[in-house]
Amino acid sequence: MTVSFTTAVRNARADAITTAIGASGFIRIYDGTPPASANAALSGNNVLAELALSATYAAAASGGVLTASAISNDAAANATGTATFYRMLKADLTTVIEQGTVSTSGADLNLNTTSIVVGGPVAITSKTFTEGNA
Protein backbone atom coordinates (compact mmCIF):
# COMPACT_ATOMS: atom_id res chain seq x y z
CA MET A 1 0.00 0.00 0.00
CA THR A 2 1.25 3.49 -0.86
CA VAL A 3 1.50 6.03 1.94
CA SER A 4 -1.19 8.67 1.63
CA PHE A 5 -1.41 12.01 3.43
CA THR A 6 -4.41 14.14 4.29
CA THR A 7 -4.76 17.45 2.49
CA ALA A 8 -3.86 19.27 5.72
CA VAL A 9 -0.56 17.38 5.97
CA ARG A 10 0.19 17.88 2.28
CA ASN A 11 -0.44 21.63 2.66
CA ALA A 12 1.84 21.80 5.71
CA ARG A 13 4.63 19.97 3.88
CA ALA A 14 4.32 22.32 0.88
CA ASP A 15 4.21 25.39 3.12
CA ALA A 16 7.53 24.28 4.63
CA ILE A 17 9.15 25.39 1.36
CA THR A 18 8.01 28.98 1.90
CA THR A 19 9.29 28.84 5.47
CA ALA A 20 12.66 27.42 4.36
CA ILE A 21 13.16 30.13 1.73
CA GLY A 22 12.50 32.92 4.20
CA ALA A 23 12.14 36.51 3.02
CA SER A 24 13.08 37.61 -0.49
CA GLY A 25 14.78 34.58 -2.02
CA PHE A 26 15.93 34.09 -5.60
CA ILE A 27 15.70 31.69 -8.51
CA ARG A 28 18.84 31.10 -10.52
CA ILE A 29 18.56 29.49 -13.93
CA TYR A 30 21.48 27.41 -15.20
CA ASP A 31 22.72 25.63 -18.31
CA GLY A 32 24.38 22.23 -18.59
CA THR A 33 23.76 18.93 -16.85
CA PRO A 34 21.89 19.35 -13.57
CA PRO A 35 23.61 18.04 -10.43
CA ALA A 36 22.19 14.80 -9.06
CA SER A 37 20.28 16.67 -6.35
CA ALA A 38 19.83 20.07 -4.72
CA ASN A 39 22.51 18.99 -2.21
CA ALA A 40 25.15 18.35 -4.89
CA ALA A 41 27.65 20.97 -6.02
CA LEU A 42 27.39 22.67 -9.39
CA SER A 43 29.86 21.41 -11.98
CA GLY A 44 30.71 23.87 -14.72
CA ASN A 45 27.18 25.24 -14.91
CA ASN A 46 26.68 28.89 -15.86
CA VAL A 47 24.15 31.20 -14.22
CA LEU A 48 22.05 32.37 -17.14
CA ALA A 49 19.59 34.47 -15.16
CA GLU A 50 18.67 35.43 -11.62
CA LEU A 51 15.12 36.38 -10.67
CA ALA A 52 13.93 37.82 -7.37
CA LEU A 53 11.10 36.12 -5.49
CA SER A 54 8.42 38.07 -3.69
CA ALA A 55 9.15 38.91 -0.04
CA THR A 56 6.88 35.96 0.82
CA TYR A 57 7.49 33.18 -1.69
CA ALA A 58 3.93 31.85 -1.77
CA ALA A 59 0.55 32.11 -0.11
CA ALA A 60 -0.56 29.11 1.94
CA ALA A 61 -0.81 25.89 -0.05
CA SER A 62 -4.25 24.73 -1.09
CA GLY A 63 -5.13 21.17 -2.01
CA GLY A 64 -1.45 20.26 -1.61
CA VAL A 65 -0.42 22.78 -4.28
CA LEU A 66 1.98 25.66 -3.56
CA THR A 67 1.78 28.46 -6.13
CA ALA A 68 4.56 31.05 -6.22
CA SER A 69 3.72 34.70 -5.69
CA ALA A 70 4.91 37.15 -8.35
CA ILE A 71 8.49 36.58 -9.46
CA SER A 72 10.33 39.56 -10.91
CA ASN A 73 11.60 39.25 -14.48
CA ASP A 74 15.32 39.43 -15.12
CA ALA A 75 15.58 42.39 -17.49
CA ALA A 76 19.14 41.49 -18.52
CA ALA A 77 20.27 37.85 -18.52
CA ASN A 78 23.76 37.13 -17.15
CA ALA A 79 24.89 34.82 -19.97
CA THR A 80 23.87 33.14 -23.22
CA GLY A 81 22.89 29.46 -23.15
CA THR A 82 20.11 26.91 -23.01
CA ALA A 83 18.29 26.80 -19.67
CA THR A 84 18.17 23.24 -18.32
CA PHE A 85 17.50 23.57 -14.59
CA TYR A 86 16.98 26.04 -11.77
CA ARG A 87 17.81 26.39 -8.12
CA MET A 88 15.75 28.31 -5.60
CA LEU A 89 17.91 30.02 -2.97
CA LYS A 90 17.50 31.94 0.25
CA ALA A 91 18.29 35.67 0.17
CA ASP A 92 21.92 34.85 1.07
CA LEU A 93 22.29 33.39 -2.47
CA THR A 94 24.19 30.39 -1.10
CA THR A 95 21.59 28.24 0.66
CA VAL A 96 19.83 26.03 -1.87
CA ILE A 97 16.22 25.12 -1.08
CA GLU A 98 15.05 23.44 -4.28
CA GLN A 99 16.29 22.31 -7.68
CA GLY A 100 14.14 21.37 -10.67
CA THR A 101 13.63 21.19 -14.40
CA VAL A 102 13.14 24.13 -16.76
CA SER A 103 11.16 24.27 -20.00
CA THR A 104 8.50 26.39 -21.66
CA SER A 105 5.71 24.08 -20.44
CA GLY A 106 5.25 20.98 -18.31
CA ALA A 107 8.39 21.51 -16.21
CA ASP A 108 8.93 22.36 -12.55
CA LEU A 109 9.63 25.93 -13.71
CA ASN A 110 8.23 27.27 -16.97
CA LEU A 111 9.93 30.14 -18.79
CA ASN A 112 9.04 32.33 -21.74
CA THR A 113 11.98 30.66 -23.57
CA THR A 114 14.83 28.29 -22.71
CA SER A 115 17.13 30.04 -25.22
CA ILE A 116 18.64 32.73 -23.01
CA VAL A 117 20.65 35.57 -24.56
CA VAL A 118 22.99 37.73 -22.48
CA GLY A 119 21.36 41.08 -21.77
CA GLY A 120 17.94 39.84 -22.89
CA PRO A 121 14.82 39.48 -20.74
CA VAL A 122 13.92 36.28 -18.87
CA ALA A 123 10.41 35.71 -17.52
CA ILE A 124 8.89 32.88 -15.54
CA THR A 125 5.46 31.95 -16.84
CA SER A 126 4.53 29.56 -14.01
CA LYS A 127 5.94 28.02 -10.83
CA THR A 128 3.92 25.57 -8.77
CA PHE A 129 4.76 22.63 -6.55
CA THR A 130 2.36 19.76 -5.87
CA GLU A 131 3.02 17.76 -2.71
CA GLY A 132 2.89 13.97 -3.25
CA ASN A 133 -0.23 11.81 -3.21
CA ALA A 134 -2.36 14.51 -4.84
C-alpha atoms as a PDB file:
ATOM      1  CA  MET A   1       0.000   0.000   0.000  1.00  0.00           C
ATOM      2  CA  THR A   2       1.250   3.489  -0.860  1.00  0.00           C
ATOM      3  CA  VAL A   3       1.496   6.030   1.940  1.00  0.00           C
ATOM      4  CA  SER A   4      -1.186   8.675   1.632  1.00  0.00           C
ATOM      5  CA  PHE A   5      -1.408  12.010   3.435  1.00  0.00           C
ATOM      6  CA  THR A   6      -4.408  14.135   4.285  1.00  0.00           C
ATOM      7  CA  THR A   7      -4.755  17.451   2.488  1.00  0.00           C
ATOM      8  CA  ALA A   8      -3.861  19.275   5.718  1.00  0.00           C
ATOM      9  CA  VAL A   9      -0.557  17.381   5.974  1.00  0.00           C
ATOM     10  CA  ARG A  10       0.190  17.882   2.275  1.00  0.00           C
ATOM     11  CA  ASN A  11      -0.436  21.625   2.658  1.00  0.00           C
ATOM     12  CA  ALA A  12       1.839  21.798   5.713  1.00  0.00           C
ATOM     13  CA  ARG A  13       4.627  19.969   3.881  1.00  0.00           C
ATOM     14  CA  ALA A  14       4.317  22.318   0.876  1.00  0.00           C
ATOM     15  CA  ASP A  15       4.211  25.386   3.123  1.00  0.00           C
ATOM     16  CA  ALA A  16       7.527  24.277   4.635  1.00  0.00           C
ATOM     17  CA  ILE A  17       9.152  25.388   1.361  1.00  0.00           C
ATOM     18  CA  THR A  18       8.011  28.982   1.899  1.00  0.00           C
ATOM     19  CA  THR A  19       9.295  28.836   5.474  1.00  0.00           C
ATOM     20  CA  ALA A  20      12.657  27.421   4.364  1.00  0.00           C
ATOM     21  CA  ILE A  21      13.160  30.133   1.731  1.00  0.00           C
ATOM     22  CA  GLY A  22      12.497  32.919   4.201  1.00  0.00           C
ATOM     23  CA  ALA A  23      12.143  36.507   3.018  1.00  0.00           C
ATOM     24  CA  SER A  24      13.078  37.606  -0.492  1.00  0.00           C
ATOM     25  CA  GLY A  25      14.775  34.583  -2.023  1.00  0.00           C
ATOM     26  CA  PHE A  26      15.933  34.093  -5.598  1.00  0.00           C
ATOM     27  CA  ILE A  27      15.697  31.690  -8.507  1.00  0.00           C
ATOM     28  CA  ARG A  28      18.843  31.103 -10.522  1.00  0.00           C
ATOM     29  CA  ILE A  29      18.565  29.493 -13.931  1.00  0.00           C
ATOM     30  CA  TYR A  30      21.481  27.407 -15.203  1.00  0.00           C
ATOM     31  CA  ASP A  31      22.715  25.627 -18.308  1.00  0.00           C
ATOM     32  CA  GLY A  32      24.378  22.232 -18.592  1.00  0.00           C
ATOM     33  CA  THR A  33      23.761  18.929 -16.849  1.00  0.00           C
ATOM     34  CA  PRO A  34      21.888  19.346 -13.569  1.00  0.00           C
ATOM     35  CA  PRO A  35      23.607  18.044 -10.434  1.00  0.00           C
ATOM     36  CA  ALA A  36      22.192  14.798  -9.056  1.00  0.00           C
ATOM     37  CA  SER A  37      20.285  16.670  -6.347  1.00  0.00           C
ATOM     38  CA  ALA A  38      19.834  20.067  -4.717  1.00  0.00           C
ATOM     39  CA  ASN A  39      22.510  18.993  -2.214  1.00  0.00           C
ATOM     40  CA  ALA A  40      25.148  18.349  -4.894  1.00  0.00           C
ATOM     41  CA  ALA A  41      27.652  20.965  -6.020  1.00  0.00           C
ATOM     42  CA  LEU A  42      27.394  22.665  -9.387  1.00  0.00           C
ATOM     43  CA  SER A  43      29.862  21.410 -11.983  1.00  0.00           C
ATOM     44  CA  GLY A  44      30.711  23.870 -14.725  1.00  0.00           C
ATOM     45  CA  ASN A  45      27.176  25.243 -14.910  1.00  0.00           C
ATOM     46  CA  ASN A  46      26.680  28.887 -15.856  1.00  0.00           C
ATOM     47  CA  VAL A  47      24.154  31.200 -14.215  1.00  0.00           C
ATOM     48  CA  LEU A  48      22.052  32.366 -17.137  1.00  0.00           C
ATOM     49  CA  ALA A  49      19.586  34.473 -15.165  1.00  0.00           C
ATOM     50  CA  GLU A  50      18.671  35.432 -11.616  1.00  0.00           C
ATOM     51  CA  LEU A  51      15.118  36.381 -10.671  1.00  0.00           C
ATOM     52  CA  ALA A  52      13.929  37.821  -7.368  1.00  0.00           C
ATOM     53  CA  LEU A  53      11.103  36.119  -5.491  1.00  0.00           C
ATOM     54  CA  SER A  54       8.421  38.070  -3.685  1.00  0.00           C
ATOM     55  CA  ALA A  55       9.150  38.907  -0.038  1.00  0.00           C
ATOM     56  CA  THR A  56       6.878  35.959   0.822  1.00  0.00           C
ATOM     57  CA  TYR A  57       7.493  33.180  -1.691  1.00  0.00           C
ATOM     58  CA  ALA A  58       3.929  31.854  -1.768  1.00  0.00           C
ATOM     59  CA  ALA A  59       0.547  32.110  -0.107  1.00  0.00           C
ATOM     60  CA  ALA A  60      -0.556  29.106   1.939  1.00  0.00           C
ATOM     61  CA  ALA A  61      -0.805  25.887  -0.051  1.00  0.00           C
ATOM     62  CA  SER A  62      -4.252  24.735  -1.092  1.00  0.00           C
ATOM     63  CA  GLY A  63      -5.125  21.169  -2.014  1.00  0.00           C
ATOM     64  CA  GLY A  64      -1.451  20.261  -1.611  1.00  0.00           C
ATOM     65  CA  VAL A  65      -0.418  22.782  -4.279  1.00  0.00           C
ATOM     66  CA  LEU A  66       1.979  25.657  -3.555  1.00  0.00           C
ATOM     67  CA  THR A  67       1.784  28.458  -6.133  1.00  0.00           C
ATOM     68  CA  ALA A  68       4.560  31.051  -6.217  1.00  0.00           C
ATOM     69  CA  SER A  69       3.716  34.704  -5.693  1.00  0.00           C
ATOM     70  CA  ALA A  70       4.909  37.155  -8.345  1.00  0.00           C
ATOM     71  CA  ILE A  71       8.489  36.576  -9.463  1.00  0.00           C
ATOM     72  CA  SER A  72      10.327  39.561 -10.909  1.00  0.00           C
ATOM     73  CA  ASN A  73      11.596  39.245 -14.480  1.00  0.00           C
ATOM     74  CA  ASP A  74      15.317  39.425 -15.121  1.00  0.00           C
ATOM     75  CA  ALA A  75      15.579  42.385 -17.489  1.00  0.00           C
ATOM     76  CA  ALA A  76      19.143  41.495 -18.515  1.00  0.00           C
ATOM     77  CA  ALA A  77      20.269  37.850 -18.517  1.00  0.00           C
ATOM     78  CA  ASN A  78      23.756  37.127 -17.155  1.00  0.00           C
ATOM     79  CA  ALA A  79      24.892  34.819 -19.975  1.00  0.00           C
ATOM     80  CA  THR A  80      23.871  33.137 -23.215  1.00  0.00           C
ATOM     81  CA  GLY A  81      22.887  29.465 -23.150  1.00  0.00           C
ATOM     82  CA  THR A  82      20.106  26.910 -23.010  1.00  0.00           C
ATOM     83  CA  ALA A  83      18.285  26.801 -19.674  1.00  0.00           C
ATOM     84  CA  THR A  84      18.165  23.238 -18.322  1.00  0.00           C
ATOM     85  CA  PHE A  85      17.498  23.574 -14.588  1.00  0.00           C
ATOM     86  CA  TYR A  86      16.980  26.040 -11.771  1.00  0.00           C
ATOM     87  CA  ARG A  87      17.810  26.391  -8.122  1.00  0.00           C
ATOM     88  CA  MET A  88      15.750  28.311  -5.599  1.00  0.00           C
ATOM     89  CA  LEU A  89      17.908  30.018  -2.972  1.00  0.00           C
ATOM     90  CA  LYS A  90      17.500  31.937   0.249  1.00  0.00           C
ATOM     91  CA  ALA A  91      18.288  35.673   0.167  1.00  0.00           C
ATOM     92  CA  ASP A  92      21.920  34.848   1.071  1.00  0.00           C
ATOM     93  CA  LEU A  93      22.293  33.394  -2.466  1.00  0.00           C
ATOM     94  CA  THR A  94      24.191  30.390  -1.101  1.00  0.00           C
ATOM     95  CA  THR A  95      21.587  28.241   0.664  1.00  0.00           C
ATOM     96  CA  VAL A  96      19.825  26.028  -1.874  1.00  0.00           C
ATOM     97  CA  ILE A  97      16.216  25.117  -1.078  1.00  0.00           C
ATOM     98  CA  GLU A  98      15.053  23.440  -4.279  1.00  0.00           C
ATOM     99  CA  GLN A  99      16.290  22.307  -7.678  1.00  0.00           C
ATOM    100  CA  GLY A 100      14.145  21.374 -10.666  1.00  0.00           C
ATOM    101  CA  THR A 101      13.633  21.194 -14.400  1.00  0.00           C
ATOM    102  CA  VAL A 102      13.140  24.130 -16.762  1.00  0.00           C
ATOM    103  CA  SER A 103      11.156  24.267 -20.001  1.00  0.00           C
ATOM    104  CA  THR A 104       8.498  26.394 -21.664  1.00  0.00           C
ATOM    105  CA  SER A 105       5.714  24.076 -20.439  1.00  0.00           C
ATOM    106  CA  GLY A 106       5.246  20.985 -18.312  1.00  0.00           C
ATOM    107  CA  ALA A 107       8.386  21.513 -16.208  1.00  0.00           C
ATOM    108  CA  ASP A 108       8.934  22.358 -12.551  1.00  0.00           C
ATOM    109  CA  LEU A 109       9.630  25.931 -13.714  1.00  0.00           C
ATOM    110  CA  ASN A 110       8.227  27.275 -16.971  1.00  0.00           C
ATOM    111  CA  LEU A 111       9.934  30.141 -18.791  1.00  0.00           C
ATOM    112  CA  ASN A 112       9.038  32.328 -21.738  1.00  0.00           C
ATOM    113  CA  THR A 113      11.981  30.660 -23.566  1.00  0.00           C
ATOM    114  CA  THR A 114      14.834  28.292 -22.711  1.00  0.00           C
ATOM    115  CA  SER A 115      17.130  30.045 -25.216  1.00  0.00           C
ATOM    116  CA  ILE A 116      18.639  32.732 -23.011  1.00  0.00           C
ATOM    117  CA  VAL A 117      20.648  35.571 -24.560  1.00  0.00           C
ATOM    118  CA  VAL A 118      22.985  37.730 -22.483  1.00  0.00           C
ATOM    119  CA  GLY A 119      21.356  41.083 -21.774  1.00  0.00           C
ATOM    120  CA  GLY A 120      17.941  39.836 -22.888  1.00  0.00           C
ATOM    121  CA  PRO A 121      14.824  39.478 -20.737  1.00  0.00           C
ATOM    122  CA  VAL A 122      13.920  36.285 -18.872  1.00  0.00           C
ATOM    123  CA  ALA A 123      10.409  35.709 -17.521  1.00  0.00           C
ATOM    124  CA  ILE A 124       8.893  32.881 -15.537  1.00  0.00           C
ATOM    125  CA  THR A 125       5.459  31.954 -16.843  1.00  0.00           C
ATOM    126  CA  SER A 126       4.533  29.557 -14.013  1.00  0.00           C
ATOM    127  CA  LYS A 127       5.942  28.024 -10.833  1.00  0.00           C
ATOM    128  CA  THR A 128       3.924  25.565  -8.770  1.00  0.00           C
ATOM    129  CA  PHE A 129       4.761  22.627  -6.555  1.00  0.00           C
ATOM    130  CA  THR A 130       2.364  19.755  -5.868  1.00  0.00           C
ATOM    131  CA  GLU A 131       3.018  17.756  -2.713  1.00  0.00           C
ATOM    132  CA  GLY A 132       2.886  13.973  -3.250  1.00  0.00           C
ATOM    133  CA  ASN A 133      -0.230  11.809  -3.209  1.00  0.00           C
ATOM    134  CA  ALA A 134      -2.355  14.513  -4.837  1.00  0.00           C
END
